[in-house]
Amino acid sequence: MGLNMNEEERIQGCFSRGEGGGFQIPMKLVVVGYALTSKKTKSFLQPKLEGLARNKGILFVAIDQNRPLSEQGPFDIVLHKLTGKEWRQILELLALSSTMNHDPISEVEASRFQQERNFHLPWAIYLIYSEDYRQTHPEVTVLDPPDAIQHVHNRQSMLQDVADLNLSDSYGKVGVPKQLVVKRDASSIPDAVTKAGLTLPLVAKPLVVDGSAKSHELSLAYDQYSLRKLEPPLVLQEFVNHGGVLFKVYIVGETIKVVKRFSLPDVTKRELSKNAGVFRFPRVSCAAASADDADLDPCVGELPPGPLLERLARELRRRLGLRLFNLDIIREHGTRDRFYVIDINYFPVNVGNSEIIKAECYLYSNDGRVWENARI
């Protein structure tokens, strides 16, 4: 049941460091068990984050996927971004138990859950539900619930909550581009586009976001004939001119951080009439495309109003059930207050910004129920 950390680390993690380097009041260690891909681990666990977390009494421990979860920990928080079916089932069970005030789950209740989810409950998973385990692990917070994550991994459902919200106030209006889902038969796309009333050019995106590079590829289709060259399953979105700049809005608990990235350039009517075909873009608005220090036209580079983003983030946290995600937002070119959410990503790669790092530590400490009144 060890945490794979030596005694010195355990002792150091349990004390806050005071002025002059001395130790002050002992604090409870918040243990964050993480289950991430090697790529995600490298981008997320930056030295700056680990250092600040250690000073706040937060320890990150890798979860071994080859061992039963009951033999690891105990964890205050389980942080994850894996897509395996069995791993998702384990987290569903953990999330379910946390909503039942941590009461022991009877064999009858476990059996009912098993039937509803239609899967075989392995012994290693069932151990999570034994009374013994619940007494040893009274609280486990899962960041974030698997069902909520699945919702934003599918671009058919990803933006539905934004569309349903239809946010509009004195600071601006937030919507989503008109879109169409195509699951098969590329030859039928032109007719489907005409029937749906979509206007060219169209942005084509893979239907499922699975973390692979391919799932983040975009294509821009200029004419009806070229639509047949696309590869379903996919989502087609009307392209909205936005000055070639996109706003990435990082949401960590109640903290919001906005960065600017270069995006696809505007398409004029003249260009649309002269161009044909499908143009592919392997990775748009990545970190290398930062526009934070660029000399932009204020009409293009001005950030969305803070109160508008705060309301949007608050509503989406509630509707999506997520605490770690980011929004890709564009401003319609020629307007000041017309915005579109074009993508939502769960647990995006850490941008390396100190405000985000501090917010992450604050989120983990709050969910670990240690520093409700702390200020980072």
Protein backbone atom coordinates (compact mmCIF):
# COMPACT_ATOMS: atom_id res chain seq x y z
CA MET A 1 0.00 0.00 0.00
CA GLY A 2 3.05 2.28 -0.21
CA LEU A 3 3.25 5.43 -2.28
CA ASN A 4 6.63 4.56 -3.78
CA MET A 5 8.23 7.50 -2.04
CA ASN A 6 10.94 7.40 0.60
CA GLU A 7 10.46 8.51 4.18
CA GLU A 8 12.34 11.78 3.67
CA GLU A 9 9.94 12.83 0.92
CA ARG A 10 6.96 11.90 3.09
CA ILE A 11 8.23 13.99 6.02
CA GLN A 12 9.16 17.00 3.90
CA GLY A 13 5.79 16.93 2.18
CA CYS A 14 3.94 17.10 5.50
CA PHE A 15 5.34 20.47 6.62
CA SER A 16 4.90 23.98 5.27
CA ARG A 17 8.10 25.99 4.88
CA GLY A 18 8.12 29.28 6.74
CA GLU A 19 10.16 32.45 6.35
CA GLY A 20 13.89 31.90 6.56
CA GLY A 21 13.58 28.29 5.41
CA GLY A 22 12.30 26.88 8.71
CA PHE A 23 9.38 24.50 8.99
CA GLN A 24 6.13 25.68 10.53
CA ILE A 25 2.79 23.98 11.12
CA PRO A 26 2.51 20.34 10.03
CA MET A 27 -0.03 19.91 7.26
CA LYS A 28 -1.78 16.92 5.81
CA LEU A 29 -0.18 15.68 2.61
CA VAL A 30 -2.47 15.74 -0.42
CA VAL A 31 -1.60 12.79 -2.64
CA VAL A 32 -2.55 13.15 -6.30
CA GLY A 33 -2.39 9.83 -8.12
CA TYR A 34 -2.01 10.42 -11.84
CA ALA A 35 -2.69 8.08 -14.76
CA LEU A 36 -1.41 9.79 -17.89
CA THR A 37 0.35 8.88 -21.10
CA SER A 38 4.13 9.38 -21.11
CA LYS A 39 3.69 12.37 -23.42
CA LYS A 40 1.10 13.95 -21.16
CA THR A 41 3.20 13.30 -18.07
CA LYS A 42 6.18 15.07 -19.63
CA SER A 43 4.16 18.14 -20.62
CA PHE A 44 2.12 18.32 -17.41
CA LEU A 45 4.58 17.55 -14.61
CA GLN A 46 6.84 20.53 -15.15
CA PRO A 47 9.48 21.21 -12.44
CA LYS A 48 7.76 24.52 -11.65
CA LEU A 49 4.47 22.75 -10.91
CA GLU A 50 6.07 20.00 -8.85
CA GLY A 51 8.10 22.53 -6.84
CA LEU A 52 5.13 24.73 -6.01
CA ALA A 53 2.99 21.69 -5.28
CA ARG A 54 5.60 20.34 -2.86
CA ASN A 55 5.64 23.66 -0.99
CA LYS A 56 1.85 23.45 -0.70
CA GLY A 57 1.94 19.88 0.56
CA ILE A 58 0.81 18.25 -2.69
CA LEU A 59 2.57 15.11 -3.90
CA PHE A 60 2.12 13.61 -7.38
CA VAL A 61 2.40 9.81 -7.54
CA ALA A 62 2.19 7.74 -10.74
CA ILE A 63 -0.54 5.08 -10.77
CA ASP A 64 0.65 1.68 -11.95
CA GLN A 65 -1.98 0.44 -14.40
CA ASN A 66 -0.68 -3.11 -14.09
CA ARG A 67 -1.57 -3.32 -10.39
CA PRO A 68 -5.00 -3.21 -8.71
CA LEU A 69 -5.86 0.29 -7.56
CA SER A 70 -6.62 -1.15 -4.13
CA GLU A 71 -2.92 -1.99 -3.69
CA GLN A 72 -1.82 1.59 -4.33
CA GLY A 73 -2.26 4.91 -2.63
CA PRO A 74 -4.17 5.91 -0.65
CA PHE A 75 -4.95 8.82 -2.96
CA ASP A 76 -6.87 11.98 -2.16
CA ILE A 77 -7.29 12.73 -5.86
CA VAL A 78 -7.10 10.61 -9.01
CA LEU A 79 -6.03 12.71 -12.00
CA HIS A 80 -6.29 10.97 -15.34
CA LYS A 81 -6.37 11.20 -19.10
CA LEU A 82 -6.53 7.63 -20.34
CA THR A 83 -9.06 6.11 -22.70
CA GLY A 84 -8.85 2.38 -21.92
CA LYS A 85 -12.20 0.70 -21.27
CA GLU A 86 -11.21 -1.05 -18.04
CA TRP A 87 -9.58 2.08 -16.63
CA ARG A 88 -12.71 4.06 -17.38
CA GLN A 89 -14.82 1.45 -15.59
CA ILE A 90 -12.63 1.70 -12.49
CA LEU A 91 -13.05 5.47 -12.43
CA GLU A 92 -16.80 5.21 -12.98
CA LEU A 93 -17.00 3.06 -9.88
CA LEU A 94 -14.86 5.47 -7.88
CA ALA A 95 -16.95 8.43 -9.05
CA LEU A 96 -20.16 6.57 -8.17
CA SER A 97 -18.90 5.76 -4.68
CA SER A 98 -17.98 9.40 -4.02
CA THR A 99 -21.58 10.45 -4.74
CA MET A 100 -22.94 8.01 -2.17
CA ASN A 101 -21.32 9.75 0.83
CA HIS A 102 -18.75 6.94 0.97
CA ASP A 103 -21.20 4.39 2.41
CA PRO A 104 -20.17 0.74 1.95
CA ILE A 105 -21.70 -0.61 -1.25
CA SER A 106 -23.54 -3.87 -0.92
CA GLU A 107 -23.14 -6.80 -3.29
CA VAL A 108 -26.67 -6.15 -4.54
CA GLU A 109 -25.85 -2.53 -5.46
CA ALA A 110 -22.56 -3.56 -7.11
CA SER A 111 -24.40 -6.22 -9.09
CA ARG A 112 -27.01 -3.69 -10.26
CA PHE A 113 -24.27 -1.30 -11.37
CA GLN A 114 -22.56 -4.15 -13.21
CA GLN A 115 -25.75 -5.02 -15.10
CA GLU A 116 -26.45 -1.39 -16.02
CA ARG A 117 -22.94 -0.92 -17.43
CA ASN A 118 -23.02 -4.37 -19.07
CA PHE A 119 -19.45 -5.36 -18.19
CA HIS A 120 -17.73 -8.06 -16.17
CA LEU A 121 -16.60 -6.76 -12.79
CA PRO A 122 -13.04 -8.05 -12.22
CA TRP A 123 -11.98 -8.93 -8.71
CA ALA A 124 -9.39 -6.14 -8.68
CA ILE A 125 -12.12 -3.59 -9.35
CA TYR A 126 -14.54 -5.16 -6.90
CA LEU A 127 -11.98 -4.64 -4.14
CA ILE A 128 -12.63 -0.93 -4.46
CA TYR A 129 -16.13 -1.59 -3.17
CA SER A 130 -15.30 -3.81 -0.23
CA GLU A 131 -16.09 -2.35 3.17
CA ASP A 132 -12.45 -2.78 4.11
CA TYR A 133 -11.30 -0.60 1.21
CA ARG A 134 -13.86 2.11 1.90
CA GLN A 135 -12.72 2.34 5.52
CA THR A 136 -9.10 2.67 4.41
CA HIS A 137 -9.90 5.11 1.60
CA PRO A 138 -12.77 7.27 2.86
CA GLU A 139 -12.43 9.98 0.20
CA VAL A 140 -11.24 9.84 -3.39
CA THR A 141 -11.87 12.75 -5.78
CA VAL A 142 -11.77 11.88 -9.47
CA LEU A 143 -10.65 14.67 -11.83
CA ASP A 144 -12.72 14.48 -13.89
CA PRO A 145 -15.72 12.07 -14.22
CA PRO A 146 -15.23 9.68 -17.17
CA ASP A 147 -18.72 10.27 -18.59
CA ALA A 148 -18.15 14.02 -18.63
CA ILE A 149 -14.83 13.57 -20.42
CA GLN A 150 -16.40 11.28 -23.03
CA HIS A 151 -18.93 14.02 -23.74
CA VAL A 152 -16.20 16.39 -24.99
CA HIS A 153 -14.27 13.65 -26.80
CA ASN A 154 -17.06 13.52 -29.37
CA ARG A 155 -17.42 16.63 -31.53
CA GLN A 156 -21.07 15.82 -32.15
CA SER A 157 -21.89 16.43 -28.47
CA MET A 158 -18.92 18.62 -27.53
CA LEU A 159 -20.48 22.01 -28.33
CA GLN A 160 -24.11 21.19 -27.56
CA ASP A 161 -23.99 22.74 -24.10
CA VAL A 162 -22.60 25.98 -25.55
CA ALA A 163 -25.39 26.03 -28.14
CA ASP A 164 -28.03 25.31 -25.49
CA LEU A 165 -26.63 28.06 -23.28
CA ASN A 166 -26.99 30.65 -26.07
CA LEU A 167 -25.15 33.16 -23.89
CA SER A 168 -25.89 36.80 -24.59
CA ASP A 169 -25.48 39.82 -22.34
CA SER A 170 -24.19 43.38 -22.43
CA TYR A 171 -20.63 42.12 -22.86
CA GLY A 172 -21.29 40.04 -25.96
CA LYS A 173 -22.86 36.96 -27.46
CA VAL A 174 -21.35 33.46 -27.50
CA GLY A 175 -22.51 30.75 -29.87
CA VAL A 176 -21.18 27.91 -32.01
CA PRO A 177 -20.68 27.73 -35.79
CA LYS A 178 -23.36 25.95 -37.77
CA GLN A 179 -22.21 22.35 -38.18
CA LEU A 180 -23.07 18.98 -39.67
CA VAL A 181 -22.04 15.48 -38.58
CA VAL A 182 -21.13 12.97 -41.30
CA LYS A 183 -20.56 9.42 -40.06
CA ARG A 184 -20.14 7.58 -43.38
CA ASP A 185 -20.35 7.77 -47.18
CA ALA A 186 -18.28 10.75 -48.35
CA SER A 187 -20.17 10.81 -51.67
CA SER A 188 -23.29 12.00 -49.83
CA ILE A 189 -21.60 14.99 -48.22
CA PRO A 190 -22.36 17.62 -50.93
CA ASP A 191 -26.10 16.87 -50.81
CA ALA A 192 -26.09 16.80 -47.01
CA VAL A 193 -24.33 20.16 -46.89
CA THR A 194 -26.85 21.70 -49.30
CA LYS A 195 -29.78 20.27 -47.34
CA ALA A 196 -28.36 21.59 -44.04
CA GLY A 197 -27.85 25.05 -45.56
CA LEU A 198 -24.16 25.29 -44.70
CA THR A 199 -22.09 27.92 -46.47
CA LEU A 200 -18.63 27.30 -47.93
CA PRO A 201 -15.80 27.21 -47.01
CA LEU A 202 -16.18 24.46 -44.44
CA VAL A 203 -13.80 23.27 -41.73
CA ALA A 204 -13.64 19.47 -41.46
CA LYS A 205 -12.60 17.88 -38.15
CA PRO A 206 -12.43 14.22 -37.07
CA LEU A 207 -15.56 13.26 -35.14
CA VAL A 208 -13.70 11.70 -32.21
CA VAL A 209 -10.96 13.40 -30.19
CA ASP A 210 -8.72 10.62 -28.89
CA GLY A 211 -5.53 12.53 -28.10
CA SER A 212 -3.78 11.49 -31.30
CA ALA A 213 -2.25 14.01 -33.69
CA LYS A 214 -4.73 12.95 -36.37
CA SER A 215 -7.72 13.84 -34.21
CA HIS A 216 -6.49 17.46 -34.14
CA GLU A 217 -5.99 17.76 -37.91
CA LEU A 218 -8.17 20.24 -39.77
CA SER A 219 -9.14 20.49 -43.41
CA LEU A 220 -10.62 23.49 -45.20
CA ALA A 221 -12.90 22.65 -48.12
CA TYR A 222 -13.53 25.39 -50.66
CA ASP A 223 -16.01 23.82 -53.07
CA GLN A 224 -18.84 21.29 -53.20
CA TYR A 225 -17.01 18.80 -55.40
CA SER A 226 -14.03 18.58 -53.03
CA LEU A 227 -16.29 17.61 -50.15
CA ARG A 228 -16.29 14.08 -51.59
CA LYS A 229 -12.57 13.85 -50.84
CA LEU A 230 -13.13 14.12 -47.09
CA GLU A 231 -12.89 11.08 -44.83
CA PRO A 232 -15.84 10.39 -42.48
CA PRO A 233 -16.61 10.16 -39.64
CA LEU A 234 -16.20 13.90 -39.27
CA VAL A 235 -17.81 17.19 -38.32
CA LEU A 236 -18.21 20.03 -40.80
CA GLN A 237 -18.29 23.56 -39.40
CA GLU A 238 -18.95 26.76 -41.27
CA PHE A 239 -15.72 28.73 -41.39
CA VAL A 240 -16.05 32.09 -39.61
CA ASN A 241 -13.55 34.80 -40.52
CA HIS A 242 -11.82 35.82 -37.29
CA GLY A 243 -8.75 37.84 -38.22
CA GLY A 244 -6.46 34.81 -38.05
CA VAL A 245 -6.37 34.87 -34.24
CA LEU A 246 -7.85 32.37 -31.79
CA PHE A 247 -8.26 32.68 -28.01
CA LYS A 248 -7.44 29.66 -25.90
CA VAL A 249 -9.34 29.98 -22.65
CA TYR A 250 -7.86 27.68 -19.97
CA ILE A 251 -10.25 26.85 -17.12
CA VAL A 252 -8.78 25.34 -13.95
CA GLY A 253 -11.46 25.18 -11.28
CA GLU A 254 -12.60 28.78 -10.94
CA THR A 255 -9.46 30.27 -12.51
CA ILE A 256 -9.44 31.48 -16.12
CA LYS A 257 -6.38 32.25 -18.22
CA VAL A 258 -6.52 33.41 -21.85
CA VAL A 259 -3.72 33.15 -24.40
CA LYS A 260 -3.70 34.23 -28.05
CA ARG A 261 -2.72 31.91 -30.88
CA PHE A 262 -2.42 32.43 -34.62
CA SER A 263 -5.11 30.56 -36.51
CA LEU A 264 -6.34 30.08 -40.08
CA PRO A 265 -6.36 33.32 -42.10
CA ASP A 266 -9.59 34.91 -43.28
CA VAL A 267 -11.06 33.77 -46.59
CA THR A 268 -12.36 36.53 -48.85
CA LYS A 269 -15.14 36.06 -51.42
CA ARG A 270 -12.54 36.56 -54.14
CA GLU A 271 -10.33 33.79 -52.73
CA LEU A 272 -13.34 31.52 -52.38
CA SER A 273 -14.27 32.00 -56.01
CA LYS A 274 -10.73 31.35 -57.25
CA ASN A 275 -9.72 28.45 -55.01
CA ALA A 276 -10.88 24.85 -55.11
CA GLY A 277 -9.95 21.67 -53.31
CA VAL A 278 -9.29 20.60 -49.74
CA PHE A 279 -6.40 22.14 -47.82
CA ARG A 280 -5.13 20.18 -44.82
CA PHE A 281 -3.63 21.68 -41.68
CA PRO A 282 -1.91 19.18 -39.34
CA ARG A 283 -1.89 21.35 -36.22
CA VAL A 284 -3.52 24.77 -35.88
CA SER A 285 -3.11 27.12 -32.91
CA CYS A 286 -0.47 25.00 -31.16
CA ALA A 287 1.86 26.51 -28.55
CA ALA A 288 4.42 27.36 -31.25
CA ALA A 289 1.80 29.63 -32.85
CA SER A 290 1.63 31.99 -29.86
CA ALA A 291 0.38 35.47 -30.71
CA ASP A 292 0.64 36.94 -27.20
CA ASP A 293 3.56 39.21 -28.11
CA ALA A 294 2.47 39.94 -31.69
CA ASP A 295 1.64 43.47 -32.84
CA LEU A 296 -2.04 42.85 -33.65
CA ASP A 297 -4.81 45.16 -34.72
CA PRO A 298 -6.73 45.90 -31.49
CA CYS A 299 -9.94 44.89 -33.26
CA VAL A 300 -8.45 41.43 -33.71
CA GLY A 301 -6.21 40.97 -30.67
CA GLU A 302 -8.39 42.43 -27.90
CA LEU A 303 -9.26 39.69 -25.42
CA PRO A 304 -12.90 38.73 -24.88
CA PRO A 305 -14.45 40.62 -21.93
CA GLY A 306 -13.60 39.07 -18.57
CA PRO A 307 -17.17 39.08 -17.20
CA LEU A 308 -18.38 37.28 -20.34
CA LEU A 309 -15.72 34.57 -20.00
CA GLU A 310 -16.40 34.19 -16.27
CA ARG A 311 -20.10 33.60 -16.89
CA LEU A 312 -19.36 31.22 -19.76
CA ALA A 313 -16.83 29.24 -17.70
CA ARG A 314 -19.15 29.06 -14.70
CA GLU A 315 -22.04 27.75 -16.78
CA LEU A 316 -19.92 25.22 -18.66
CA ARG A 317 -18.29 23.90 -15.49
CA ARG A 318 -21.77 23.16 -14.22
CA ARG A 319 -23.18 21.78 -17.48
CA LEU A 320 -20.13 19.75 -18.50
CA GLY A 321 -19.20 18.59 -15.00
CA LEU A 322 -15.51 19.33 -15.70
CA ARG A 323 -12.89 21.32 -13.78
CA LEU A 324 -9.90 21.00 -16.13
CA PHE A 325 -10.58 22.05 -19.71
CA ASN A 326 -10.04 24.75 -22.27
CA LEU A 327 -12.17 26.48 -24.89
CA ASP A 328 -11.05 27.56 -28.34
CA ILE A 329 -12.87 30.83 -29.00
CA ILE A 330 -12.85 33.15 -32.00
CA ARG A 331 -14.26 36.63 -32.51
CA GLU A 332 -16.15 37.15 -35.77
CA HIS A 333 -14.07 39.55 -37.84
CA GLY A 334 -15.66 42.99 -38.10
CA THR A 335 -17.46 42.69 -34.75
CA ARG A 336 -16.41 43.44 -31.18
CA ASP A 337 -18.81 41.26 -29.29
CA ARG A 338 -19.72 38.22 -31.42
CA PHE A 339 -17.84 35.12 -30.29
CA TYR A 340 -17.89 31.44 -31.25
CA VAL A 341 -16.65 28.41 -29.32
CA ILE A 342 -15.20 26.08 -31.95
CA ASP A 343 -13.61 23.37 -29.78
CA ILE A 344 -13.40 22.12 -26.20
CA ASN A 345 -10.43 20.13 -24.88
CA TYR A 346 -10.29 18.21 -21.63
CA PHE A 347 -7.13 18.59 -19.51
CA PRO A 348 -5.13 20.48 -22.16
CA VAL A 349 -1.32 20.51 -22.16
CA ASN A 350 0.02 22.83 -19.49
CA VAL A 351 0.89 26.17 -21.06
CA GLY A 352 3.72 26.76 -18.58
CA ASN A 353 2.12 29.96 -17.32
CA SER A 354 2.67 30.61 -13.61
CA GLU A 355 -0.99 31.58 -13.12
CA ILE A 356 -2.13 28.23 -14.51
CA ILE A 357 0.39 26.35 -12.37
CA LYS A 358 -0.78 28.15 -9.24
CA ALA A 359 -4.41 27.51 -10.15
CA GLU A 360 -3.72 23.80 -10.61
CA CYS A 361 -2.14 23.60 -7.17
CA TYR A 362 -5.06 25.48 -5.67
CA LEU A 363 -7.52 23.14 -7.37
CA TYR A 364 -5.77 20.03 -6.07
CA SER A 365 -5.50 21.42 -2.54
CA ASN A 366 -9.17 22.37 -2.52
CA ASP A 367 -10.29 19.01 -3.86
CA GLY A 368 -8.04 17.40 -1.27
CA ARG A 369 -9.95 19.44 1.32
CA VAL A 370 -6.83 20.90 2.92
CA TRP A 371 -6.51 24.61 2.20
CA GLU A 372 -10.03 25.86 1.59
CA ASN A 373 -8.92 29.33 2.73
CA ALA A 374 -5.43 29.26 1.23
CA ARG A 375 -4.15 31.85 -1.22
CA ILE A 376 -1.39 30.93 -3.64
